[in-house]
Amino acid sequence: WPSIFSGLEIIANHTTLSHRDTGGSASLFDLLISLGSGHEAKLVLADVGAELDYYPGTMTLISGKVLQHSIGPWGKGERLVIA
């Protein structure tokens, strides 16, 4: 299907180590969508000292090339992310 995004990644039940994205442009945003059931994941933006709730149904736009970001262990439930 047509998309404005250059790539699509689906992550299921995995933590994501702290990183910056290598692709894309610093002036563009990445859409992250948290799905699943019963999890209490946190989106950590180390550069700005933020730890944000990343519950199922959460959508966020960040510049992944600029901001260092990670998802640590979330305890219970199933987690699926479309990035």
PDB file of N, CA and C in Angstrom:
ATOM      1  N   TRP A   1       0.822  -1.175   0.000  1.00  0.00           N
ATOM      2  CA  TRP A   1       0.000   0.000   0.000  1.00  0.00           C
ATOM      3  C   TRP A   1       0.871   1.244   0.000  1.00  0.00           C
ATOM      4  N   PRO A   2       0.382   2.366  -0.477  1.00  0.00           N
ATOM      5  CA  PRO A   2       1.172   3.601  -0.491  1.00  0.00           C
ATOM      6  C   PRO A   2       1.405   4.113   0.934  1.00  0.00           C
ATOM      7  N   SER A   3       2.588   4.641   1.177  1.00  0.00           N
ATOM      8  CA  SER A   3       2.924   5.157   2.495  1.00  0.00           C
ATOM      9  C   SER A   3       3.898   6.320   2.365  1.00  0.00           C
ATOM     10  N   ILE A   4       3.802   7.270   3.286  1.00  0.00           N
ATOM     11  CA  ILE A   4       4.760   8.372   3.312  1.00  0.00           C
ATOM     12  C   ILE A   4       6.052   7.963   4.014  1.00  0.00           C
ATOM     13  N   PHE A   5       6.040   6.796   4.674  1.00  0.00           N
ATOM     14  CA  PHE A   5       7.208   6.331   5.410  1.00  0.00           C
ATOM     15  C   PHE A   5       8.095   5.462   4.532  1.00  0.00           C
ATOM     16  N   SER A   6       9.406   5.531   4.757  1.00  0.00           N
ATOM     17  CA  SER A   6      10.347   4.774   3.931  1.00  0.00           C
ATOM     18  C   SER A   6      10.555   3.355   4.432  1.00  0.00           C
ATOM     19  N   GLY A   7      10.100   3.039   5.619  1.00  0.00           N
ATOM     20  CA  GLY A   7      10.271   1.699   6.165  1.00  0.00           C
ATOM     21  C   GLY A   7       9.231   1.423   7.230  1.00  0.00           C
ATOM     22  N   LEU A   8       9.084   0.152   7.573  1.00  0.00           N
ATOM     23  CA  LEU A   8       8.132  -0.267   8.583  1.00  0.00           C
ATOM     24  C   LEU A   8       8.768  -1.405   9.358  1.00  0.00           C
ATOM     25  N   GLU A   9       8.700  -1.340  10.667  1.00  0.00           N
ATOM     26  CA  GLU A   9       9.262  -2.391  11.507  1.00  0.00           C
ATOM     27  C   GLU A   9       8.211  -2.806  12.524  1.00  0.00           C
ATOM     28  N   ILE A  10       8.072  -4.108  12.733  1.00  0.00           N
ATOM     29  CA  ILE A  10       7.159  -4.636  13.740  1.00  0.00           C
ATOM     30  C   ILE A  10       8.006  -5.361  14.782  1.00  0.00           C
ATOM     31  N   ILE A  11       7.854  -4.954  16.039  1.00  0.00           N
ATOM     32  CA  ILE A  11       8.634  -5.520  17.139  1.00  0.00           C
ATOM     33  C   ILE A  11       7.649  -6.196  18.089  1.00  0.00           C
ATOM     34  N   ALA A  12       7.851  -7.481  18.363  1.00  0.00           N
ATOM     35  CA  ALA A  12       6.947  -8.216  19.242  1.00  0.00           C
ATOM     36  C   ALA A  12       7.698  -8.750  20.459  1.00  0.00           C
ATOM     37  N   ASN A  13       7.242  -8.326  21.642  1.00  0.00           N
ATOM     38  CA  ASN A  13       7.750  -8.830  22.922  1.00  0.00           C
ATOM     39  C   ASN A  13       9.263  -8.765  23.054  1.00  0.00           C
ATOM     40  N   HIS A  14       9.858  -7.638  22.674  1.00  0.00           N
ATOM     41  CA  HIS A  14      11.301  -7.430  22.817  1.00  0.00           C
ATOM     42  C   HIS A  14      11.568  -6.074  23.462  1.00  0.00           C
ATOM     43  N   THR A  15      12.590  -6.051  24.313  1.00  0.00           N
ATOM     44  CA  THR A  15      13.071  -4.760  24.786  1.00  0.00           C
ATOM     45  C   THR A  15      13.886  -4.139  23.661  1.00  0.00           C
ATOM     46  N   THR A  16      14.057  -2.845  23.718  1.00  0.00           N
ATOM     47  CA  THR A  16      14.840  -2.134  22.715  1.00  0.00           C
ATOM     48  C   THR A  16      15.935  -1.376  23.438  1.00  0.00           C
ATOM     49  N   LEU A  17      17.186  -1.712  23.169  1.00  0.00           N
ATOM     50  CA  LEU A  17      18.298  -1.033  23.814  1.00  0.00           C
ATOM     51  C   LEU A  17      18.352   0.427  23.388  1.00  0.00           C
ATOM     52  N   SER A  18      18.955   1.237  24.218  1.00  0.00           N
ATOM     53  CA  SER A  18      19.070   2.658  23.933  1.00  0.00           C
ATOM     54  C   SER A  18      19.854   2.881  22.641  1.00  0.00           C
ATOM     55  N   HIS A  19      19.277   3.684  21.731  1.00  0.00           N
ATOM     56  CA  HIS A  19      19.906   3.887  20.421  1.00  0.00           C
ATOM     57  C   HIS A  19      19.351   5.138  19.751  1.00  0.00           C
ATOM     58  N   ARG A  20      20.030   5.545  18.705  1.00  0.00           N
ATOM     59  CA  ARG A  20      19.520   6.547  17.762  1.00  0.00           C
ATOM     60  C   ARG A  20      19.361   5.835  16.420  1.00  0.00           C
ATOM     61  N   ASP A  21      18.344   6.191  15.678  1.00  0.00           N
ATOM     62  CA  ASP A  21      18.117   5.562  14.382  1.00  0.00           C
ATOM     63  C   ASP A  21      19.157   6.059  13.373  1.00  0.00           C
ATOM     64  N   THR A  22      19.663   5.143  12.549  1.00  0.00           N
ATOM     65  CA  THR A  22      20.688   5.513  11.571  1.00  0.00           C
ATOM     66  C   THR A  22      20.099   6.057  10.280  1.00  0.00           C
ATOM     67  N   GLY A  23      18.897   5.633   9.942  1.00  0.00           N
ATOM     68  CA  GLY A  23      18.269   6.101   8.704  1.00  0.00           C
ATOM     69  C   GLY A  23      17.465   7.364   8.931  1.00  0.00           C
ATOM     70  N   GLY A  24      16.838   7.816   7.889  1.00  0.00           N
ATOM     71  CA  GLY A  24      15.962   8.972   8.002  1.00  0.00           C
ATOM     72  C   GLY A  24      16.707  10.283   8.055  1.00  0.00           C
ATOM     73  N   SER A  25      15.990  11.305   8.441  1.00  0.00           N
ATOM     74  CA  SER A  25      16.530  12.656   8.488  1.00  0.00           C
ATOM     75  C   SER A  25      16.259  13.254   9.862  1.00  0.00           C
ATOM     76  N   ALA A  26      17.186  14.041  10.351  1.00  0.00           N
ATOM     77  CA  ALA A  26      17.022  14.674  11.667  1.00  0.00           C
ATOM     78  C   ALA A  26      15.822  15.620  11.693  1.00  0.00           C
ATOM     79  N   SER A  27      15.393  16.108  10.546  1.00  0.00           N
ATOM     80  CA  SER A  27      14.277  17.055  10.499  1.00  0.00           C
ATOM     81  C   SER A  27      12.915  16.365  10.357  1.00  0.00           C
ATOM     82  N   LEU A  28      12.893  15.032  10.253  1.00  0.00           N
ATOM     83  CA  LEU A  28      11.639  14.286  10.108  1.00  0.00           C
ATOM     84  C   LEU A  28      11.327  13.502  11.375  1.00  0.00           C
ATOM     85  N   PHE A  29      10.051  13.167  11.554  1.00  0.00           N
ATOM     86  CA  PHE A  29       9.616  12.426  12.727  1.00  0.00           C
ATOM     87  C   PHE A  29       9.289  10.980  12.381  1.00  0.00           C
ATOM     88  N   ASP A  30       9.453  10.091  13.379  1.00  0.00           N
ATOM     89  CA  ASP A  30       9.096   8.684  13.263  1.00  0.00           C
ATOM     90  C   ASP A  30       7.828   8.446  14.079  1.00  0.00           C
ATOM     91  N   LEU A  31       6.869   7.744  13.499  1.00  0.00           N
ATOM     92  CA  LEU A  31       5.631   7.412  14.194  1.00  0.00           C
ATOM     93  C   LEU A  31       5.821   6.054  14.879  1.00  0.00           C
ATOM     94  N   LEU A  32       5.635   6.027  16.194  1.00  0.00           N
ATOM     95  CA  LEU A  32       5.719   4.789  16.969  1.00  0.00           C
ATOM     96  C   LEU A  32       4.341   4.501  17.551  1.00  0.00           C
ATOM     97  N   ILE A  33       3.877   3.247  17.395  1.00  0.00           N
ATOM     98  CA  ILE A  33       2.560   2.849  17.884  1.00  0.00           C
ATOM     99  C   ILE A  33       2.733   1.648  18.798  1.00  0.00           C
ATOM    100  N   SER A  34       2.293   1.774  20.041  1.00  0.00           N
ATOM    101  CA  SER A  34       2.381   0.687  21.016  1.00  0.00           C
ATOM    102  C   SER A  34       1.058  -0.064  21.043  1.00  0.00           C
ATOM    103  N   LEU A  35       1.125  -1.355  20.828  1.00  0.00           N
ATOM    104  CA  LEU A  35      -0.058  -2.215  20.840  1.00  0.00           C
ATOM    105  C   LEU A  35       0.165  -3.352  21.818  1.00  0.00           C
ATOM    106  N   GLY A  36      -0.806  -4.227  21.963  1.00  0.00           N
ATOM    107  CA  GLY A  36      -0.678  -5.384  22.841  1.00  0.00           C
ATOM    108  C   GLY A  36      -1.770  -5.368  23.887  1.00  0.00           C
ATOM    109  N   SER A  37      -1.502  -6.075  25.006  1.00  0.00           N
ATOM    110  CA  SER A  37      -2.497  -6.127  26.067  1.00  0.00           C
ATOM    111  C   SER A  37      -1.812  -6.253  27.425  1.00  0.00           C
ATOM    112  N   GLY A  38      -2.277  -5.471  28.362  1.00  0.00           N
ATOM    113  CA  GLY A  38      -1.863  -5.599  29.755  1.00  0.00           C
ATOM    114  C   GLY A  38      -0.436  -5.225  30.086  1.00  0.00           C
ATOM    115  N   HIS A  39       0.298  -4.585  29.198  1.00  0.00           N
ATOM    116  CA  HIS A  39       1.680  -4.231  29.546  1.00  0.00           C
ATOM    117  C   HIS A  39       1.770  -2.795  30.034  1.00  0.00           C
ATOM    118  N   GLU A  40       2.841  -2.521  30.754  1.00  0.00           N
ATOM    119  CA  GLU A  40       3.071  -1.176  31.289  1.00  0.00           C
ATOM    120  C   GLU A  40       4.453  -0.694  30.859  1.00  0.00           C
ATOM    121  N   ALA A  41       4.692  -0.709  29.567  1.00  0.00           N
ATOM    122  CA  ALA A  41       5.997  -0.322  29.025  1.00  0.00           C
ATOM    123  C   ALA A  41       6.246   1.165  29.231  1.00  0.00           C
ATOM    124  N   LYS A  42       7.513   1.536  29.238  1.00  0.00           N
ATOM    125  CA  LYS A  42       7.942   2.931  29.342  1.00  0.00           C
ATOM    126  C   LYS A  42       8.839   3.246  28.156  1.00  0.00           C
ATOM    127  N   LEU A  43       8.610   4.378  27.523  1.00  0.00           N
ATOM    128  CA  LEU A  43       9.473   4.889  26.471  1.00  0.00           C
ATOM    129  C   LEU A  43      10.453   5.844  27.140  1.00  0.00           C
ATOM    130  N   VAL A  44      11.747   5.513  27.070  1.00  0.00           N
ATOM    131  CA  VAL A  44      12.776   6.319  27.724  1.00  0.00           C
ATOM    132  C   VAL A  44      13.495   7.153  26.668  1.00  0.00           C
ATOM    133  N   LEU A  45      13.496   8.466  26.873  1.00  0.00           N
ATOM    134  CA  LEU A  45      14.214   9.400  26.010  1.00  0.00           C
ATOM    135  C   LEU A  45      15.373   9.955  26.838  1.00  0.00           C
ATOM    136  N   ALA A  46      16.521   9.281  26.744  1.00  0.00           N
ATOM    137  CA  ALA A  46      17.662   9.572  27.613  1.00  0.00           C
ATOM    138  C   ALA A  46      18.177  10.999  27.458  1.00  0.00           C
ATOM    139  N   ASP A  47      18.185  11.523  26.247  1.00  0.00           N
ATOM    140  CA  ASP A  47      18.736  12.861  26.001  1.00  0.00           C
ATOM    141  C   ASP A  47      18.008  13.969  26.756  1.00  0.00           C
ATOM    142  N   VAL A  48      16.729  13.777  27.001  1.00  0.00           N
ATOM    143  CA  VAL A  48      15.950  14.800  27.697  1.00  0.00           C
ATOM    144  C   VAL A  48      15.525  14.351  29.095  1.00  0.00           C
ATOM    145  N   GLY A  49      16.022  13.190  29.534  1.00  0.00           N
ATOM    146  CA  GLY A  49      15.725  12.687  30.873  1.00  0.00           C
ATOM    147  C   GLY A  49      14.267  12.346  31.095  1.00  0.00           C
ATOM    148  N   ALA A  50      13.586  11.841  30.052  1.00  0.00           N
ATOM    149  CA  ALA A  50      12.153  11.547  30.158  1.00  0.00           C
ATOM    150  C   ALA A  50      11.897  10.039  30.152  1.00  0.00           C
ATOM    151  N   GLU A  51      10.956   9.620  30.993  1.00  0.00           N
ATOM    152  CA  GLU A  51      10.451   8.245  30.991  1.00  0.00           C
ATOM    153  C   GLU A  51       8.940   8.340  30.888  1.00  0.00           C
ATOM    154  N   LEU A  52       8.395   7.971  29.729  1.00  0.00           N
ATOM    155  CA  LEU A  52       6.992   8.197  29.410  1.00  0.00           C
ATOM    156  C   LEU A  52       6.208   6.889  29.392  1.00  0.00           C
ATOM    157  N   ASP A  53       4.970   6.923  29.883  1.00  0.00           N
ATOM    158  CA  ASP A  53       4.094   5.758  29.778  1.00  0.00           C
ATOM    159  C   ASP A  53       3.905   5.419  28.309  1.00  0.00           C
ATOM    160  N   TYR A  54       3.998   4.122  27.996  1.00  0.00           N
ATOM    161  CA  TYR A  54       3.902   3.662  26.613  1.00  0.00           C
ATOM    162  C   TYR A  54       2.938   2.480  26.549  1.00  0.00           C
ATOM    163  N   TYR A  55       1.757   2.711  27.107  1.00  0.00           N
ATOM    164  CA  TYR A  55       0.736   1.677  27.226  1.00  0.00           C
ATOM    165  C   TYR A  55       0.139   1.326  25.864  1.00  0.00           C
ATOM    166  N   PRO A  56      -0.571   0.179  25.778  1.00  0.00           N
ATOM    167  CA  PRO A  56      -1.233  -0.169  24.523  1.00  0.00           C
ATOM    168  C   PRO A  56      -2.150   0.968  24.040  1.00  0.00           C
ATOM    169  N   GLY A  57      -2.060   1.273  22.753  1.00  0.00           N
ATOM    170  CA  GLY A  57      -2.861   2.340  22.164  1.00  0.00           C
ATOM    171  C   GLY A  57      -2.140   3.673  22.089  1.00  0.00           C
ATOM    172  N   THR A  58      -0.926   3.744  22.650  1.00  0.00           N
ATOM    173  CA  THR A  58      -0.167   4.992  22.624  1.00  0.00           C
ATOM    174  C   THR A  58       0.487   5.185  21.259  1.00  0.00           C
ATOM    175  N   MET A  59       0.372   6.400  20.731  1.00  0.00           N
ATOM    176  CA  MET A  59       1.079   6.774  19.502  1.00  0.00           C
ATOM    177  C   MET A  59       1.945   7.978  19.829  1.00  0.00           C
ATOM    178  N   THR A  60       3.158   7.995  19.314  1.00  0.00           N
ATOM    179  CA  THR A  60       4.042   9.121  19.552  1.00  0.00           C
ATOM    180  C   THR A  60       4.872   9.400  18.314  1.00  0.00           C
ATOM    181  N   LEU A  61       5.242  10.639  18.152  1.00  0.00           N
ATOM    182  CA  LEU A  61       6.128  11.059  17.065  1.00  0.00           C
ATOM    183  C   LEU A  61       7.416  11.579  17.697  1.00  0.00           C
ATOM    184  N   ILE A  62       8.553  10.988  17.322  1.00  0.00           N
ATOM    185  CA  ILE A  62       9.847  11.480  17.799  1.00  0.00           C
ATOM    186  C   ILE A  62      10.813  11.515  16.622  1.00  0.00           C
ATOM    187  N   SER A  63      11.852  12.279  16.752  1.00  0.00           N
ATOM    188  CA  SER A  63      12.937  12.221  15.780  1.00  0.00           C
ATOM    189  C   SER A  63      13.934  11.189  16.300  1.00  0.00           C
ATOM    190  N   GLY A  64      13.787   9.970  15.844  1.00  0.00           N
ATOM    191  CA  GLY A  64      14.621   8.867  16.319  1.00  0.00           C
ATOM    192  C   GLY A  64      16.083   9.013  15.948  1.00  0.00           C
ATOM    193  N   LYS A  65      16.371   9.807  14.950  1.00  0.00           N
ATOM    194  CA  LYS A  65      17.756  10.066  14.562  1.00  0.00           C
ATOM    195  C   LYS A  65      18.424  11.028  15.544  1.00  0.00           C
ATOM    196  N   VAL A  66      17.631  11.901  16.169  1.00  0.00           N
ATOM    197  CA  VAL A  66      18.151  12.918  17.083  1.00  0.00           C
ATOM    198  C   VAL A  66      18.105  12.437  18.536  1.00  0.00           C
ATOM    199  N   LEU A  67      16.979  11.864  18.958  1.00  0.00           N
ATOM    200  CA  LEU A  67      16.783  11.474  20.351  1.00  0.00           C
ATOM    201  C   LEU A  67      17.172  10.024  20.602  1.00  0.00           C
ATOM    202  N   GLN A  68      18.007   9.813  21.600  1.00  0.00           N
ATOM    203  CA  GLN A  68      18.346   8.453  22.030  1.00  0.00           C
ATOM    204  C   GLN A  68      17.120   7.894  22.755  1.00  0.00           C
ATOM    205  N   HIS A  69      16.662   6.700  22.368  1.00  0.00           N
ATOM    206  CA  HIS A  69      15.425   6.155  22.912  1.00  0.00           C
ATOM    207  C   HIS A  69      15.538   4.659  23.159  1.00  0.00           C
ATOM    208  N   SER A  70      14.711   4.160  24.097  1.00  0.00           N
ATOM    209  CA  SER A  70      14.723   2.731  24.435  1.00  0.00           C
ATOM    210  C   SER A  70      13.404   2.345  25.094  1.00  0.00           C
ATOM    211  N   ILE A  71      13.166   1.030  25.118  1.00  0.00           N
ATOM    212  CA  ILE A  71      12.051   0.439  25.855  1.00  0.00           C
ATOM    213  C   ILE A  71      12.650  -0.679  26.701  1.00  0.00           C
ATOM    214  N   GLY A  72      12.495  -0.585  28.009  1.00  0.00           N
ATOM    215  CA  GLY A  72      13.030  -1.620  28.899  1.00  0.00           C
ATOM    216  C   GLY A  72      12.008  -2.713  29.146  1.00  0.00           C
ATOM    217  N   PRO A  73      12.300  -3.604  30.086  1.00  0.00           N
ATOM    218  CA  PRO A  73      11.346  -4.668  30.426  1.00  0.00           C
ATOM    219  C   PRO A  73      10.021  -4.068  30.910  1.00  0.00           C
ATOM    220  N   TRP A  74       8.913  -4.692  30.542  1.00  0.00           N
ATOM    221  CA  TRP A  74       7.593  -4.152  30.880  1.00  0.00           C
ATOM    222  C   TRP A  74       6.816  -5.047  31.818  1.00  0.00           C
ATOM    223  N   GLY A  75       7.423  -6.124  32.299  1.00  0.00           N
ATOM    224  CA  GLY A  75       6.765  -6.973  33.289  1.00  0.00           C
ATOM    225  C   GLY A  75       5.796  -7.966  32.698  1.00  0.00           C
ATOM    226  N   LYS A  76       4.537  -7.627  32.649  1.00  0.00           N
ATOM    227  CA  LYS A  76       3.510  -8.573  32.222  1.00  0.00           C
ATOM    228  C   LYS A  76       2.891  -8.178  30.897  1.00  0.00           C
ATOM    229  N   GLY A  77       2.130  -9.091  30.314  1.00  0.00           N
ATOM    230  CA  GLY A  77       1.372  -8.773  29.109  1.00  0.00           C
ATOM    231  C   GLY A  77       2.161  -8.972  27.822  1.00  0.00           C
ATOM    232  N   GLU A  78       1.470  -8.744  26.723  1.00  0.00           N
ATOM    233  CA  GLU A  78       2.039  -8.875  25.383  1.00  0.00           C
ATOM    234  C   GLU A  78       2.272  -7.481  24.814  1.00  0.00           C
ATOM    235  N   ARG A  79       3.393  -7.314  24.114  1.00  0.00           N
ATOM    236  CA  ARG A  79       3.710  -6.000  23.564  1.00  0.00           C
ATOM    237  C   ARG A  79       4.034  -6.126  22.085  1.00  0.00           C
ATOM    238  N   LEU A  80       3.449  -5.254  21.284  1.00  0.00           N
ATOM    239  CA  LEU A  80       3.689  -5.188  19.856  1.00  0.00           C
ATOM    240  C   LEU A  80       3.849  -3.723  19.492  1.00  0.00           C
ATOM    241  N   VAL A  81       4.899  -3.406  18.757  1.00  0.00           N
ATOM    242  CA  VAL A  81       5.130  -2.021  18.341  1.00  0.00           C
ATOM    243  C   VAL A  81       5.265  -1.968  16.832  1.00  0.00           C
ATOM    244  N   ILE A  82       4.625  -1.000  16.239  1.00  0.00           N
ATOM    245  CA  ILE A  82       4.819  -0.711  14.820  1.00  0.00           C
ATOM    246  C   ILE A  82       5.608   0.585  14.768  1.00  0.00           C
ATOM    247  N   ALA A  83       6.767   0.531  14.122  1.00  0.00           N
ATOM    248  CA  ALA A  83       7.648   1.712  14.053  1.00  0.00           C
ATOM    249  C   ALA A  83       8.027   1.963  12.621  1.00  0.00           C
TER     250      ALA A  83
END
